[in-house]
Protein backbone atom coordinates (compact mmCIF):
# COMPACT_ATOMS: atom_id res chain seq x y z
CA MET A 1 -43.58 4.18 -84.69
CA MET A 2 -40.46 2.04 -84.73
CA ASP A 3 -38.77 4.36 -82.18
CA TRP A 4 -41.71 3.86 -79.81
CA ILE A 5 -41.50 0.08 -80.18
CA ILE A 6 -37.74 0.08 -79.61
CA GLY A 7 -38.17 2.34 -76.58
CA ALA A 8 -40.91 0.13 -75.12
CA LEU A 9 -38.93 -3.08 -75.60
CA GLY A 10 -35.71 -1.60 -74.27
CA ALA A 11 -37.41 -0.07 -71.24
CA LEU A 12 -39.33 -3.29 -70.55
CA LEU A 13 -36.12 -5.33 -70.65
CA VAL A 14 -34.31 -3.03 -68.23
CA SER A 15 -37.29 -2.64 -65.87
CA MET A 16 -37.92 -6.39 -65.76
CA ALA A 17 -34.28 -6.97 -64.84
CA ALA A 18 -34.61 -4.32 -62.12
CA TYR A 19 -37.80 -5.97 -60.85
CA TRP A 20 -36.03 -9.33 -60.74
CA LYS A 21 -33.18 -7.73 -58.75
CA SER A 22 -35.74 -6.09 -56.39
CA SER A 23 -34.73 -2.57 -57.47
CA LEU A 24 -38.30 -1.93 -58.65
CA SER A 25 -41.69 -2.95 -57.35
CA LEU A 26 -44.35 -4.12 -59.82
CA SER A 27 -45.83 -0.61 -60.05
CA GLY A 28 -42.33 0.79 -60.42
CA MET A 29 -41.58 -1.62 -63.26
CA ILE A 30 -44.72 -0.57 -65.14
CA ALA A 31 -43.99 3.13 -64.59
CA ALA A 32 -40.37 2.73 -65.70
CA THR A 33 -41.46 0.93 -68.86
CA VAL A 34 -43.90 3.69 -69.80
CA MET A 35 -41.35 6.38 -69.02
CA GLY A 36 -38.58 4.72 -71.02
CA MET A 37 -40.91 4.30 -74.00
CA VAL A 38 -41.73 8.02 -73.98
CA TYR A 39 -38.10 9.05 -73.50
CA TYR A 40 -36.96 7.10 -76.55
CA GLY A 41 -40.09 7.33 -78.69
CA ALA A 42 -40.63 11.07 -78.29
CA GLY A 43 -36.92 11.83 -77.94
CA ASN A 44 -33.85 9.76 -78.73
CA LEU A 45 -30.81 8.23 -77.07
CA PHE A 46 -29.93 11.57 -75.44
CA TRP A 47 -33.03 11.40 -73.22
CA PHE A 48 -33.12 7.63 -72.83
CA GLY A 49 -29.39 7.34 -72.16
CA LEU A 50 -29.36 9.84 -69.29
CA LEU A 51 -32.38 8.14 -67.75
CA LEU A 52 -30.59 4.80 -67.92
CA LEU A 53 -27.42 6.29 -66.45
CA PHE A 54 -29.33 7.61 -63.45
CA PHE A 55 -31.35 4.46 -62.96
CA ILE A 56 -28.56 1.89 -63.35
CA THR A 57 -26.03 3.69 -61.17
CA SER A 58 -28.60 4.46 -58.49
CA SER A 59 -29.79 0.86 -58.43
CA LEU A 60 -26.24 -0.47 -58.17
CA PHE A 61 -25.34 1.92 -55.36
CA SER A 62 -28.51 1.09 -53.45
CA LYS A 63 -27.40 -2.55 -53.32
CA PHE A 64 -23.77 -1.75 -52.45
CA ARG A 65 -23.10 -2.55 -48.78
CA GLY A 66 -26.82 -3.06 -48.34
CA ASP A 67 -26.20 -4.74 -44.98
CA ARG A 68 -25.01 -1.41 -43.53
CA LYS A 69 -28.06 0.45 -44.89
CA GLN A 70 -30.80 -1.90 -43.68
CA GLU A 71 -31.33 -0.10 -40.38
CA LEU A 72 -31.35 3.33 -42.07
CA GLU A 73 -33.94 2.22 -44.64
CA LYS A 74 -36.39 1.51 -41.83
CA SER A 75 -36.60 5.29 -41.32
CA TYR A 76 -37.06 6.17 -45.01
CA ALA A 77 -40.42 6.44 -46.72
CA LYS A 78 -38.78 4.99 -49.82
CA THR A 79 -36.40 2.05 -49.81
CA GLY A 80 -34.04 0.69 -52.45
CA ARG A 81 -37.05 -0.92 -54.16
CA ARG A 82 -38.65 1.99 -56.04
CA ASP A 83 -42.41 2.17 -56.61
CA ALA A 84 -44.28 4.09 -59.32
CA GLY A 85 -44.44 7.25 -57.22
CA GLN A 86 -40.69 7.33 -56.77
CA VAL A 87 -40.07 6.56 -60.45
CA PHE A 88 -42.22 9.49 -61.59
CA ALA A 89 -40.83 11.76 -58.85
CA ASN A 90 -37.33 11.19 -60.22
CA GLY A 91 -38.01 11.07 -63.95
CA GLY A 92 -41.41 12.68 -64.45
CA LEU A 93 -40.15 16.23 -65.00
CA GLY A 94 -37.63 14.96 -67.52
CA MET A 95 -40.41 13.15 -69.37
CA LEU A 96 -42.41 16.40 -69.54
CA ALA A 97 -39.34 18.19 -70.92
CA CYS A 98 -38.94 15.46 -73.53
CA MET A 99 -42.56 15.86 -74.66
CA GLY A 100 -42.20 19.65 -74.58
CA ASN A 101 -39.29 19.34 -76.98
CA VAL A 102 -41.54 17.49 -79.42
CA ILE A 103 -44.16 20.25 -79.34
CA TRP A 104 -41.68 23.14 -79.42
CA PRO A 105 -38.12 22.05 -80.32
CA ASP A 106 -35.70 24.27 -78.44
CA PRO A 107 -32.42 23.80 -76.52
CA VAL A 108 -34.11 25.05 -73.35
CA TRP A 109 -35.74 21.64 -72.87
CA ALA A 110 -32.35 19.92 -72.90
CA TYR A 111 -30.98 22.34 -70.29
CA VAL A 112 -33.96 21.81 -67.99
CA PHE A 113 -33.80 18.06 -68.50
CA VAL A 114 -30.11 17.82 -67.65
CA GLY A 115 -30.67 19.94 -64.54
CA THR A 116 -33.46 17.69 -63.28
CA MET A 117 -31.52 14.49 -63.97
CA ALA A 118 -28.38 15.92 -62.38
CA ALA A 119 -30.39 16.78 -59.26
CA VAL A 120 -32.05 13.39 -58.80
CA THR A 121 -28.75 11.65 -59.51
CA ALA A 122 -26.90 13.86 -57.03
CA ASP A 123 -29.57 13.36 -54.37
CA THR A 124 -29.69 9.58 -54.79
CA TRP A 125 -25.91 9.20 -54.84
CA ALA A 126 -25.66 11.42 -51.75
CA THR A 127 -28.18 9.25 -49.90
CA GLU A 128 -26.58 5.94 -50.87
CA TRP A 129 -22.99 6.95 -50.20
CA GLY A 130 -23.78 9.21 -47.26
CA GLY A 131 -25.36 6.22 -45.54
CA LEU A 132 -21.92 4.57 -45.54
CA SER A 133 -20.18 7.49 -43.86
CA ARG A 134 -18.47 6.63 -40.58
CA LYS A 135 -19.15 10.12 -39.23
CA PRO A 136 -22.68 11.27 -38.33
CA PRO A 137 -24.30 13.74 -40.74
CA ARG A 138 -24.72 17.40 -39.84
CA SER A 139 -27.86 19.48 -40.08
CA VAL A 140 -27.94 21.62 -43.20
CA LEU A 141 -29.51 24.36 -41.03
CA THR A 142 -27.51 24.35 -37.80
CA TRP A 143 -24.50 22.23 -38.79
CA LYS A 144 -24.94 20.24 -35.58
CA PRO A 145 -24.44 16.44 -35.67
CA MET A 146 -27.66 14.50 -36.11
CA PRO A 147 -28.65 10.81 -36.23
CA ALA A 148 -27.89 9.02 -39.49
CA GLY A 149 -30.92 8.74 -41.74
CA THR A 150 -32.55 11.97 -40.58
CA SER A 151 -33.85 14.19 -43.39
CA GLY A 152 -31.89 17.40 -43.75
CA GLY A 153 -28.54 15.87 -42.84
CA VAL A 154 -25.43 16.15 -45.00
CA SER A 155 -22.00 14.53 -44.88
CA LEU A 156 -18.70 15.02 -46.67
CA LEU A 157 -18.92 11.61 -48.34
CA GLY A 158 -22.51 12.16 -49.43
CA SER A 159 -21.85 15.69 -50.70
CA THR A 160 -18.82 14.51 -52.68
CA ALA A 161 -20.88 11.74 -54.24
CA ALA A 162 -23.60 14.26 -55.11
CA LEU A 163 -21.16 16.52 -56.93
CA VAL A 164 -19.55 13.64 -58.81
CA GLY A 165 -22.95 12.31 -59.92
CA ALA A 166 -24.14 15.73 -61.09
CA VAL A 167 -20.93 16.39 -63.04
CA LEU A 168 -21.19 12.94 -64.64
CA ILE A 169 -24.69 13.73 -65.91
CA GLY A 170 -23.39 16.94 -67.51
CA GLY A 171 -20.49 15.17 -69.18
CA VAL A 172 -22.57 12.30 -70.53
CA ALA A 173 -25.17 14.81 -71.78
CA TRP A 174 -22.49 16.46 -73.93
CA LEU A 175 -21.35 13.05 -75.21
CA LEU A 176 -24.84 11.86 -76.10
CA LEU A 177 -25.70 15.12 -77.86
CA ARG A 178 -22.63 14.79 -80.05
CA TRP A 179 -23.44 11.15 -80.72
CA THR A 180 -27.09 11.70 -81.63
CA GLY A 181 -26.66 15.09 -83.33
CA GLY A 182 -29.52 16.71 -81.43
CA THR A 183 -32.31 16.28 -78.94
CA SER A 184 -34.64 14.42 -81.33
CA THR A 185 -34.60 12.72 -84.70
CA GLY A 186 -34.18 15.29 -87.44
CA SER A 187 -33.99 18.15 -84.94
CA ALA A 188 -31.75 21.11 -85.54
CA ALA A 189 -32.08 22.18 -81.89
CA LEU A 190 -28.59 21.24 -80.73
CA PRO A 191 -27.51 23.03 -77.53
CA SER A 192 -24.24 24.84 -78.26
CA LEU A 193 -22.26 24.28 -75.06
CA SER A 194 -18.74 22.89 -74.80
CA ILE A 195 -18.01 19.86 -72.65
CA TRP A 196 -16.64 22.10 -69.88
CA GLN A 197 -19.79 24.19 -69.93
CA TRP A 198 -21.96 21.07 -69.77
CA LEU A 199 -19.91 19.80 -66.82
CA MET A 200 -20.51 23.14 -65.10
CA VAL A 201 -24.24 23.18 -65.86
CA GLY A 202 -24.72 19.60 -64.66
CA GLY A 203 -22.46 19.94 -61.63
CA LEU A 204 -23.76 23.25 -60.30
CA SER A 205 -27.46 22.67 -60.98
CA GLY A 206 -27.39 19.10 -59.70
CA PHE A 207 -25.49 19.97 -56.54
CA ALA A 208 -27.83 22.91 -55.93
CA GLY A 209 -30.81 20.60 -56.40
CA ALA A 210 -29.40 18.11 -53.88
CA PHE A 211 -28.83 20.96 -51.41
CA ALA A 212 -32.41 22.15 -51.96
CA ASP A 213 -33.60 18.61 -51.25
CA SER A 214 -31.75 18.61 -47.93
CA LEU A 215 -33.03 22.09 -47.08
CA LEU A 216 -36.63 21.09 -47.77
CA GLY A 217 -36.09 17.89 -45.81
CA ALA A 218 -34.92 19.90 -42.82
CA THR A 219 -37.77 22.39 -42.90
CA ILE A 220 -41.10 21.57 -44.53
CA GLN A 221 -40.93 17.85 -45.36
CA ARG A 222 -43.43 15.80 -43.36
CA MET A 223 -41.61 13.98 -40.57
CA ASN A 224 -42.92 11.68 -37.83
CA ARG A 225 -41.57 10.59 -34.47
CA CYS A 226 -41.48 7.01 -33.28
CA PRO A 227 -43.01 6.79 -29.75
CA VAL A 228 -40.86 3.73 -28.99
CA CYS A 229 -37.32 4.70 -29.97
CA GLY A 230 -37.87 8.47 -30.30
CA LYS A 231 -36.34 8.67 -33.79
CA SER A 232 -37.46 11.25 -36.35
CA VAL A 233 -38.56 9.17 -39.35
CA GLU A 234 -40.39 9.50 -42.67
CA VAL A 235 -42.46 6.32 -42.31
CA ASP A 236 -45.90 5.95 -40.72
CA ASN A 237 -44.92 2.82 -38.80
CA HIS A 238 -41.68 2.22 -36.89
CA CYS A 239 -40.67 -0.27 -34.22
CA GLY A 240 -43.97 -2.02 -34.87
CA VAL A 241 -46.15 0.94 -33.85
CA ASP A 242 -47.74 3.93 -35.61
CA THR A 243 -45.62 7.05 -35.60
CA VAL A 244 -46.94 10.48 -34.62
CA PRO A 245 -46.64 13.73 -36.65
CA GLU A 246 -43.62 15.79 -35.63
CA ARG A 247 -43.17 18.62 -38.14
CA GLY A 248 -43.60 19.70 -41.73
CA LEU A 249 -46.50 19.95 -44.16
CA ARG A 250 -48.75 16.91 -44.40
CA TRP A 251 -48.58 16.83 -48.21
CA MET A 252 -44.81 17.40 -48.39
CA SER A 253 -43.75 13.79 -48.81
CA ASN A 254 -40.31 12.59 -49.87
CA ASP A 255 -41.57 12.32 -53.46
CA ALA A 256 -42.85 15.91 -53.37
CA VAL A 257 -39.48 17.10 -52.09
CA ASN A 258 -37.75 15.27 -54.95
CA VAL A 259 -40.00 16.90 -57.54
CA LEU A 260 -39.55 20.42 -56.14
CA SER A 261 -35.78 20.16 -55.84
CA ALA A 262 -35.47 18.68 -59.35
CA PHE A 263 -37.66 21.48 -60.74
CA ALA A 264 -35.45 24.08 -59.06
CA ALA A 265 -32.35 22.42 -60.51
CA GLY A 266 -33.90 22.45 -63.98
CA LEU A 267 -34.47 26.20 -63.76
CA ILE A 268 -30.92 26.73 -62.46
CA ALA A 269 -29.49 24.71 -65.36
CA TRP A 270 -31.50 26.79 -67.83
CA GLY A 271 -30.25 30.02 -66.26
CA LEU A 272 -26.63 28.84 -66.26
CA ALA A 273 -26.86 27.77 -69.90
CA VAL A 274 -28.26 31.16 -70.87
CA LEU A 275 -25.39 32.91 -69.08
CA LEU A 276 -22.79 30.65 -70.68
CA THR A 277 -24.12 31.09 -74.19
């Protein structure tokens, strides 16, 4: 019970600070508090620490050079202030893996978890740093230049940031596992990968997840067109008017894309870990 109390208090403290800094909406703060409580109460610092690493770095990067990103954010369905949907889209699969590890302790949950966190970190870092690129992004499908902020676009700066973020998750995962001694209190299920193998698992799965996010964004994600400026946007209202459907599946929102790409990365991480061990 004490672990659940510590997790709840720690998550509440961090989420309240994020709410005060406008990194979380009220619903996002509540969701982050619940998620952090589960991560620490059902798991340990391995789960909670990686969640904090993703959240803190992503929040800091979203505020960095925010003046240059304001115009781009008008095209995004989600801004730098995350709501409950975005919180669960980024950390929900990891929370399920954490609870799965309680029911059936096994290293597989840690592999899947690291893959999902590496993917959401890589995708978020790519978005935040890619938005600062001086060169226009290129379509992941045709490699032709496209307007900044358009889903499915990639840039050298954003891709580099994605790889660095994914590798960081893998490295910190190795560190936290050695520090905690396992994936839960009293657990003997300690994944037996070296630091270099963890860097590979995090880097490859996270980068693949970010690429999958871009691929889904360029193909089946729901996109709208602004009748005023003609931009392809994710939002339902742009330039003060309602946007019109342009392409994609109606239910394939930005949050759905995040979940699918993170799930794919989790499976890739699991497969890589099996090959390496």
